[in-house]
Amino acid sequence: MVDIGALKRKVEEKKEAKPEKKPLSESTEVESLDMSKVEGIVRKMKQKYAEQGMVFEEVEGRLGELRGIIAESAKEKIDVQTVEMLTENRNPLVKGAGKFYLKFSNPLGGLSRIVSGMPQAKELGYYIYSANIKYSLHQYLAMTTVAGVIGGIAGVVLGIILAITMAIGFPMAILLPIALGILLFIAAIAIMFFLPINAAKSRGEKVGVELPFALRHMSTELKAGIGLYRTIQAIAAADYGPLSEEFSRTISEIEEGTETRLALKHFALRTQSNALSNALMHVIRAMKTGGNLSSVMSEIAEDVSFELRTKMKEFSEKMNFFGVIFIIMAIVMPVFIAILAGIRNAPIGTGSVFSSLPLGPMEVAVFYLVAMPMLMALLILFIMLSQPKV
């Protein structure tokens, strides 16, 4: 027969041998305080992934502030988009750049590190994120390096062609291709650095154009008793262009566990629109103090609309003055040059004061075929740059 007393004693001995469980709060406190081990693990993982071609985005400035808010200065974003993924891109230029970089990865990798150390590259990651460009910082730096190398090679070839055509002597025949190669290398990199900045600012301008309509939409939704989160979802689903896309990014952050006020603050930081940043800061302030969001958004929409009308008025005043300049440069000056050239090349102009003017047939042809088109192109470019995006 089974000894019941012996079985009871064995069970009691096992209970005594079990380690006493710590309260959940104590274990959590110990784990949260042991951050040195966590930092060590993070460093090892960074080193491991760096050897595999992955990169940890180290950013400063506004992107650093944004990352600090998102991660509470305790985490870093792992960029798992490697250069190898560029070879799978649908864009043939991007695909070719990725293959070129991987084929000459040793020299181009060192050159990419030099490019990433430039002062202009410190905020490049911020503008890539702000413009919602679908490439990581590491990938974009690789493409920038490839563009610089191609520009340098083109400069060297152009310099050799010029040296042969112009029959330049030995020292200059060597220095000219080198100088042009360095110049075009720097120019290509500068253009690649400028593209994300321009894309981010252009995106911010497009957001500012749609902002008054979106704010009135939100005000109407809130006045109808719909919650702020549902209102944000409605704006994201509506057709407000980049503004709807940015609201979609904000919704993703909220669904991942970010507080609504923090997600809106991230929205304001990453968007290159002063009007939107001011509007979102007013909304965050109203959420903190318990203000009426509907009336706040209506007032902000009126302010933004007034600013857009003011910009249009200033632009129209500039165009009044610009019209006078355009008439002088595009009509008066060509006619005046034509009259002087006619007098200079006519038989009656021989021996007169007009005969000393450099207005021969070749000079006149260069003026009308080269100088005037360039001047008109500059005037059109000025109008396009100064035109408010409304």
Protein backbone atom coordinates (compact mmCIF):
# COMPACT_ATOMS: atom_id res chain seq x y z
CA MET A 1 0.00 0.00 0.00
CA VAL A 2 1.03 3.55 -0.66
CA ASP A 3 2.21 5.47 2.38
CA ILE A 4 0.08 8.65 2.36
CA GLY A 5 2.18 10.26 5.09
CA ALA A 6 5.39 9.80 3.09
CA LEU A 7 3.80 11.39 0.04
CA LYS A 8 2.70 14.42 2.11
CA ARG A 9 6.23 14.83 3.49
CA LYS A 10 7.73 14.77 -0.06
CA VAL A 11 5.28 17.42 -1.26
CA GLU A 12 6.10 19.67 1.70
CA GLU A 13 9.84 19.23 1.08
CA LYS A 14 9.42 20.32 -2.60
CA LYS A 15 7.46 23.39 -1.54
CA GLU A 16 10.22 24.38 0.88
CA ALA A 17 12.89 23.82 -1.80
CA LYS A 18 11.16 26.18 -4.32
CA PRO A 19 12.73 29.68 -4.44
CA GLU A 20 10.50 32.41 -3.15
CA LYS A 21 9.08 34.52 -5.97
CA LYS A 22 9.79 38.21 -5.80
CA PRO A 23 6.98 40.64 -6.14
CA LEU A 24 6.47 41.91 -9.65
CA SER A 25 7.23 45.48 -8.70
CA GLU A 26 10.61 44.50 -7.15
CA SER A 27 11.72 42.45 -10.17
CA THR A 28 10.65 45.19 -12.53
CA GLU A 29 12.56 47.74 -10.49
CA VAL A 30 15.75 45.64 -10.55
CA GLU A 31 15.45 45.08 -14.31
CA SER A 32 14.81 48.74 -15.00
CA LEU A 33 17.83 49.81 -12.96
CA ASP A 34 20.25 47.42 -14.68
CA MET A 35 20.69 49.58 -17.79
CA SER A 36 24.44 48.94 -18.16
CA LYS A 37 23.76 45.39 -19.34
CA VAL A 38 21.16 46.66 -21.78
CA GLU A 39 23.61 49.22 -23.18
CA GLY A 40 26.23 46.50 -23.56
CA ILE A 41 23.83 44.31 -25.51
CA VAL A 42 22.88 47.25 -27.72
CA ARG A 43 26.56 47.98 -28.46
CA LYS A 44 27.20 44.34 -29.39
CA MET A 45 24.15 44.28 -31.65
CA LYS A 46 25.25 47.53 -33.30
CA GLN A 47 28.68 46.10 -34.00
CA LYS A 48 27.21 42.87 -35.34
CA TYR A 49 24.74 44.59 -37.66
CA ALA A 50 27.36 47.11 -38.81
CA GLU A 51 29.54 44.22 -39.98
CA GLN A 52 26.57 42.92 -42.00
CA GLY A 53 26.11 46.26 -43.76
CA MET A 54 23.34 47.63 -41.57
CA VAL A 55 23.66 51.09 -40.08
CA PHE A 56 22.45 52.89 -36.98
CA GLU A 57 21.33 56.37 -37.80
CA GLU A 58 23.30 58.80 -35.66
CA VAL A 59 21.61 62.13 -36.16
CA GLU A 60 21.79 65.56 -34.63
CA GLY A 61 19.88 68.81 -34.84
CA ARG A 62 16.16 68.68 -35.41
CA LEU A 63 16.10 64.97 -36.25
CA GLY A 64 18.03 64.29 -33.06
CA GLU A 65 15.43 66.24 -31.12
CA LEU A 66 12.65 64.33 -32.84
CA ARG A 67 14.31 61.00 -32.16
CA GLY A 68 14.90 62.00 -28.55
CA ILE A 69 11.22 62.74 -28.09
CA ILE A 70 10.14 59.50 -29.73
CA ALA A 71 12.64 57.30 -27.93
CA GLU A 72 12.96 59.36 -24.72
CA SER A 73 16.73 59.48 -25.31
CA ALA A 74 17.03 55.76 -24.55
CA LYS A 75 16.77 54.03 -27.94
CA GLU A 76 18.25 54.35 -31.41
CA LYS A 77 16.61 53.51 -34.68
CA ILE A 78 18.13 50.51 -36.48
CA ASP A 79 18.22 51.03 -40.21
CA VAL A 80 17.75 47.62 -41.77
CA GLN A 81 17.50 49.02 -45.30
CA THR A 82 20.89 48.07 -46.69
CA VAL A 83 22.55 49.06 -49.96
CA GLU A 84 21.90 45.56 -51.30
CA MET A 85 18.18 46.38 -51.37
CA LEU A 86 18.82 49.14 -53.90
CA THR A 87 19.51 46.46 -56.52
CA GLU A 88 15.87 45.35 -56.17
CA ASN A 89 14.48 48.85 -56.74
CA ARG A 90 12.17 49.43 -59.69
CA ASN A 91 13.89 52.67 -60.64
CA PRO A 92 16.66 51.77 -63.13
CA LEU A 93 18.90 54.65 -61.99
CA VAL A 94 18.66 53.64 -58.34
CA LYS A 95 19.15 49.99 -59.25
CA GLY A 96 22.22 50.83 -61.33
CA ALA A 97 23.65 53.00 -58.55
CA GLY A 98 23.25 50.14 -56.06
CA LYS A 99 24.99 47.67 -58.35
CA PHE A 100 27.83 50.12 -59.06
CA TYR A 101 28.32 50.76 -55.34
CA LEU A 102 28.38 47.05 -54.48
CA LYS A 103 30.80 46.27 -57.32
CA PHE A 104 33.32 48.81 -56.01
CA SER A 105 32.29 48.58 -52.36
CA ASN A 106 35.78 48.85 -50.88
CA PRO A 107 36.83 52.25 -52.29
CA LEU A 108 33.29 53.63 -52.42
CA GLY A 109 32.62 52.56 -48.83
CA GLY A 110 35.53 54.65 -47.59
CA LEU A 111 34.46 57.55 -49.77
CA SER A 112 30.92 57.25 -48.42
CA ARG A 113 32.22 57.56 -44.87
CA ILE A 114 34.09 60.72 -45.87
CA VAL A 115 30.92 62.13 -47.44
CA SER A 116 28.90 61.27 -44.33
CA GLY A 117 31.42 63.23 -42.25
CA MET A 118 30.72 66.47 -44.09
CA PRO A 119 28.94 69.16 -42.03
CA GLN A 120 26.09 69.30 -44.54
CA ALA A 121 25.39 65.60 -43.98
CA LYS A 122 24.56 66.00 -40.27
CA GLU A 123 20.93 66.90 -40.89
CA LEU A 124 20.54 64.88 -44.07
CA GLY A 125 18.70 62.12 -42.21
CA TYR A 126 16.25 64.67 -40.82
CA TYR A 127 15.34 65.99 -44.26
CA ILE A 128 15.06 62.47 -45.70
CA TYR A 129 12.60 61.65 -42.92
CA SER A 130 10.80 64.97 -43.31
CA ALA A 131 10.40 64.56 -47.08
CA ASN A 132 9.14 60.98 -46.55
CA ILE A 133 11.80 59.66 -48.94
CA LYS A 134 11.65 55.86 -49.06
CA TYR A 135 15.41 55.37 -48.65
CA SER A 136 17.47 55.04 -45.52
CA LEU A 137 20.33 57.41 -44.73
CA HIS A 138 22.88 54.71 -45.54
CA GLN A 139 21.28 54.03 -48.92
CA TYR A 140 21.07 57.71 -49.78
CA LEU A 141 24.70 58.28 -48.85
CA ALA A 142 25.65 55.38 -51.12
CA MET A 143 23.71 56.94 -54.01
CA THR A 144 25.29 60.31 -53.24
CA THR A 145 28.76 58.77 -53.39
CA VAL A 146 28.00 57.10 -56.71
CA ALA A 147 26.66 60.38 -58.14
CA GLY A 148 29.81 62.16 -56.99
CA VAL A 149 32.09 59.55 -58.58
CA ILE A 150 30.18 59.66 -61.87
CA GLY A 151 30.34 63.46 -61.82
CA GLY A 152 34.08 63.31 -61.16
CA ILE A 153 34.66 60.88 -64.04
CA ALA A 154 32.57 63.09 -66.35
CA GLY A 155 34.64 66.11 -65.30
CA VAL A 156 37.92 64.32 -66.05
CA VAL A 157 36.67 63.22 -69.49
CA LEU A 158 35.43 66.74 -70.26
CA GLY A 159 38.77 68.19 -69.16
CA ILE A 160 40.69 65.80 -71.45
CA ILE A 161 38.44 66.70 -74.40
CA LEU A 162 38.94 70.43 -73.75
CA ALA A 163 42.70 69.99 -73.37
CA ILE A 164 42.92 68.16 -76.70
CA THR A 165 40.57 70.55 -78.52
CA MET A 166 42.26 73.71 -77.25
CA ALA A 167 45.79 72.25 -77.60
CA ILE A 168 46.73 73.19 -74.04
CA GLY A 169 50.33 72.74 -72.87
CA PHE A 170 51.54 69.88 -70.66
CA PRO A 171 51.03 71.26 -67.10
CA MET A 172 47.53 72.61 -67.78
CA ALA A 173 46.59 69.51 -69.77
CA ILE A 174 46.98 67.53 -66.54
CA LEU A 175 45.58 70.11 -64.12
CA LEU A 176 42.44 70.93 -66.12
CA PRO A 177 40.91 67.40 -66.06
CA ILE A 178 41.75 67.03 -62.36
CA ALA A 179 40.22 70.41 -61.51
CA LEU A 180 37.06 69.72 -63.50
CA GLY A 181 36.76 66.25 -61.97
CA ILE A 182 36.97 67.62 -58.42
CA LEU A 183 34.59 70.46 -59.28
CA LEU A 184 31.91 68.16 -60.74
CA PHE A 185 32.40 65.66 -57.90
CA ILE A 186 31.65 68.37 -55.33
CA ALA A 187 28.79 69.75 -57.44
CA ALA A 188 27.12 66.32 -57.74
CA ILE A 189 27.34 65.72 -53.98
CA ALA A 190 26.01 69.23 -53.27
CA ILE A 191 23.04 68.59 -55.56
CA MET A 192 22.32 65.26 -53.85
CA PHE A 193 22.44 66.99 -50.45
CA PHE A 194 20.12 69.71 -51.71
CA LEU A 195 17.45 67.36 -53.13
CA PRO A 196 16.04 66.11 -49.76
CA ILE A 197 16.04 69.66 -48.39
CA ASN A 198 14.16 70.94 -51.41
CA ALA A 199 11.77 67.97 -51.32
CA ALA A 200 11.04 68.51 -47.62
CA LYS A 201 10.39 72.24 -48.09
CA SER A 202 8.25 71.61 -51.15
CA ARG A 203 6.26 69.04 -49.19
CA GLY A 204 5.84 71.56 -46.37
CA GLU A 205 4.51 74.16 -48.83
CA LYS A 206 1.98 71.68 -50.21
CA VAL A 207 0.90 70.85 -46.67
CA GLY A 208 0.44 74.58 -45.92
CA VAL A 209 -1.81 75.01 -48.97
CA GLU A 210 -4.22 72.30 -47.81
CA LEU A 211 -4.06 73.27 -44.14
CA PRO A 212 -6.98 75.79 -43.92
CA PHE A 213 -9.39 73.35 -45.57
CA ALA A 214 -8.26 70.46 -43.38
CA LEU A 215 -8.56 72.55 -40.21
CA ARG A 216 -12.11 73.61 -41.10
CA HIS A 217 -12.89 69.96 -41.81
CA MET A 218 -11.53 69.00 -38.38
CA SER A 219 -13.43 71.83 -36.70
CA THR A 220 -16.69 70.63 -38.25
CA GLU A 221 -16.05 67.03 -37.19
CA LEU A 222 -15.22 68.05 -33.61
CA LYS A 223 -18.23 70.35 -33.42
CA ALA A 224 -20.39 67.37 -34.43
CA GLY A 225 -19.15 65.49 -31.36
CA ILE A 226 -16.65 63.20 -33.08
CA GLY A 227 -13.46 62.50 -31.10
CA LEU A 228 -10.03 63.85 -32.05
CA TYR A 229 -8.65 60.45 -33.07
CA ARG A 230 -11.60 59.74 -35.37
CA THR A 231 -11.22 63.25 -36.79
CA ILE A 232 -7.54 62.62 -37.56
CA GLN A 233 -8.53 59.38 -39.26
CA ALA A 234 -11.07 61.28 -41.38
CA ILE A 235 -8.40 63.79 -42.51
CA ALA A 236 -6.00 60.95 -43.31
CA ALA A 237 -8.67 59.26 -45.43
CA ALA A 238 -9.58 62.51 -47.21
CA ASP A 239 -7.84 63.84 -50.32
CA TYR A 240 -5.54 66.51 -48.85
CA GLY A 241 -2.38 65.32 -50.60
CA PRO A 242 0.79 65.23 -48.45
CA LEU A 243 -1.17 66.51 -45.44
CA SER A 244 -3.31 63.34 -45.44
CA GLU A 245 -0.13 61.25 -45.76
CA GLU A 246 1.39 62.99 -42.73
CA PHE A 247 -1.78 62.41 -40.73
CA SER A 248 -1.55 58.74 -41.71
CA ARG A 249 1.98 58.63 -40.28
CA THR A 250 0.64 60.21 -37.08
CA ILE A 251 -2.11 57.58 -36.86
CA SER A 252 0.51 54.84 -37.20
CA GLU A 253 2.44 56.31 -34.28
CA ILE A 254 -0.69 56.51 -32.13
CA GLU A 255 -1.63 52.92 -32.95
CA GLU A 256 1.89 51.82 -31.97
CA GLY A 257 1.32 53.25 -28.48
CA THR A 258 2.47 56.87 -28.71
CA GLU A 259 0.36 59.38 -26.83
CA THR A 260 -1.72 61.61 -29.11
CA ARG A 261 -0.06 64.83 -27.93
CA LEU A 262 3.42 63.40 -28.53
CA ALA A 263 2.43 62.08 -31.95
CA LEU A 264 1.16 65.54 -32.90
CA LYS A 265 4.40 67.07 -31.63
CA HIS A 266 6.39 64.68 -33.81
CA PHE A 267 4.14 65.72 -36.70
CA ALA A 268 4.99 69.39 -36.10
CA LEU A 269 8.73 68.69 -35.85
CA ARG A 270 9.08 66.66 -39.02
CA THR A 271 7.04 68.95 -41.30
CA GLN A 272 8.60 71.99 -42.99
CA SER A 273 5.54 74.19 -42.54
CA ASN A 274 5.51 76.98 -39.98
CA ALA A 275 1.73 77.36 -40.28
CA LEU A 276 1.18 73.67 -39.54
CA SER A 277 3.66 73.70 -36.64
CA ASN A 278 1.91 76.69 -35.05
CA ALA A 279 -1.49 75.09 -35.59
CA LEU A 280 -0.46 71.79 -34.01
CA MET A 281 1.18 73.54 -31.05
CA HIS A 282 -2.08 75.43 -30.43
CA VAL A 283 -3.98 72.14 -30.60
CA ILE A 284 -1.57 70.49 -28.13
CA ARG A 285 -1.90 73.47 -25.79
CA ALA A 286 -5.70 73.28 -26.00
CA MET A 287 -5.55 69.54 -25.23
CA LYS A 288 -3.44 70.23 -22.13
CA THR A 289 -5.63 73.04 -20.82
CA GLY A 290 -8.93 71.48 -21.85
CA GLY A 291 -9.87 74.17 -24.39
CA ASN A 292 -12.48 73.94 -27.11
CA LEU A 293 -10.61 72.28 -29.99
CA SER A 294 -13.32 73.09 -32.52
CA SER A 295 -13.14 76.85 -31.98
CA VAL A 296 -9.33 76.75 -31.76
CA MET A 297 -9.08 75.06 -35.16
CA SER A 298 -11.53 77.50 -36.72
CA GLU A 299 -9.45 80.44 -35.50
CA ILE A 300 -6.22 78.83 -36.72
CA ALA A 301 -7.80 78.21 -40.13
CA GLU A 302 -8.73 81.89 -40.39
CA ASP A 303 -5.19 82.94 -39.42
CA VAL A 304 -3.61 80.61 -41.99
CA SER A 305 -6.01 81.83 -44.70
CA PHE A 306 -5.13 85.44 -43.84
CA GLU A 307 -1.39 84.65 -44.13
CA LEU A 308 -1.94 83.05 -47.56
CA ARG A 309 -3.93 86.08 -48.74
CA THR A 310 -1.15 88.38 -47.48
CA LYS A 311 1.45 86.39 -49.43
CA MET A 312 -0.64 86.63 -52.59
CA LYS A 313 -0.99 90.40 -52.12
CA GLU A 314 2.77 90.82 -51.64
CA PHE A 315 3.42 88.71 -54.73
CA SER A 316 1.04 90.78 -56.85
CA GLU A 317 2.82 93.96 -55.72
CA LYS A 318 6.17 92.45 -56.69
CA MET A 319 4.77 91.49 -60.08
CA ASN A 320 3.71 95.11 -60.75
CA PHE A 321 7.33 96.22 -60.40
CA PHE A 322 8.59 93.11 -62.18
CA GLY A 323 6.35 93.92 -65.18
CA VAL A 324 8.25 97.18 -65.71
CA ILE A 325 11.61 95.35 -65.56
CA PHE A 326 10.32 92.70 -67.94
CA ILE A 327 9.20 95.31 -70.51
CA ILE A 328 12.61 97.01 -70.35
CA MET A 329 14.65 93.79 -70.64
CA ALA A 330 12.45 91.82 -73.04
CA ILE A 331 11.19 94.60 -75.35
CA VAL A 332 13.02 97.90 -75.02
CA MET A 333 16.58 96.56 -74.76
CA PRO A 334 16.37 94.16 -77.79
CA VAL A 335 14.86 96.92 -79.95
CA PHE A 336 17.51 99.39 -78.78
CA ILE A 337 20.31 96.88 -79.58
CA ALA A 338 18.78 96.20 -82.99
CA ILE A 339 18.71 99.93 -83.82
CA LEU A 340 22.31 100.46 -82.70
CA ALA A 341 23.47 97.36 -84.61
CA GLY A 342 21.66 98.60 -87.75
CA ILE A 343 23.35 101.98 -87.54
CA ARG A 344 26.72 100.40 -86.76
CA ASN A 345 26.63 98.06 -89.77
CA ALA A 346 25.01 100.53 -92.23
CA PRO A 347 27.23 102.47 -94.69
CA ILE A 348 26.20 105.76 -93.07
CA GLY A 349 27.63 104.54 -89.75
CA THR A 350 31.14 104.14 -91.09
CA GLY A 351 33.50 106.66 -89.51
CA SER A 352 30.87 107.86 -87.00
CA VAL A 353 30.78 107.38 -83.24
CA PHE A 354 28.70 104.19 -83.73
CA SER A 355 31.48 102.45 -85.66
CA SER A 356 33.35 101.77 -82.39
CA LEU A 357 30.46 99.81 -80.87
CA PRO A 358 31.09 96.01 -80.60
CA LEU A 359 27.88 95.19 -82.46
CA GLY A 360 29.02 93.23 -85.48
CA PRO A 361 26.94 90.42 -86.98
CA MET A 362 28.56 87.80 -84.69
CA GLU A 363 28.01 89.85 -81.51
CA VAL A 364 24.38 90.54 -82.43
CA ALA A 365 23.77 86.85 -83.13
CA VAL A 366 25.26 85.88 -79.75
CA PHE A 367 23.12 88.51 -78.00
CA TYR A 368 19.83 87.34 -79.54
CA LEU A 369 20.52 83.60 -79.64
CA VAL A 370 22.37 83.13 -76.33
CA ALA A 371 22.17 86.15 -74.01
CA MET A 372 18.46 86.91 -74.45
CA PRO A 373 17.23 83.31 -73.96
CA MET A 374 19.37 83.01 -70.83
CA LEU A 375 18.01 86.32 -69.52
CA MET A 376 14.41 85.23 -70.17
CA ALA A 377 15.07 81.89 -68.47
CA LEU A 378 16.42 83.70 -65.38
CA LEU A 379 13.37 85.97 -65.27
CA ILE A 380 11.01 82.99 -65.51
CA LEU A 381 12.97 81.16 -62.81
CA PHE A 382 12.70 84.21 -60.55
CA ILE A 383 8.93 84.28 -61.01
CA MET A 384 8.61 80.57 -60.28
CA LEU A 385 10.71 80.79 -57.11
CA SER A 386 8.99 83.89 -55.77
CA GLN A 387 5.46 82.65 -56.50
CA PRO A 388 3.67 81.62 -53.28
CA LYS A 389 2.41 78.04 -53.26
CA VAL A 390 -1.30 78.64 -52.70
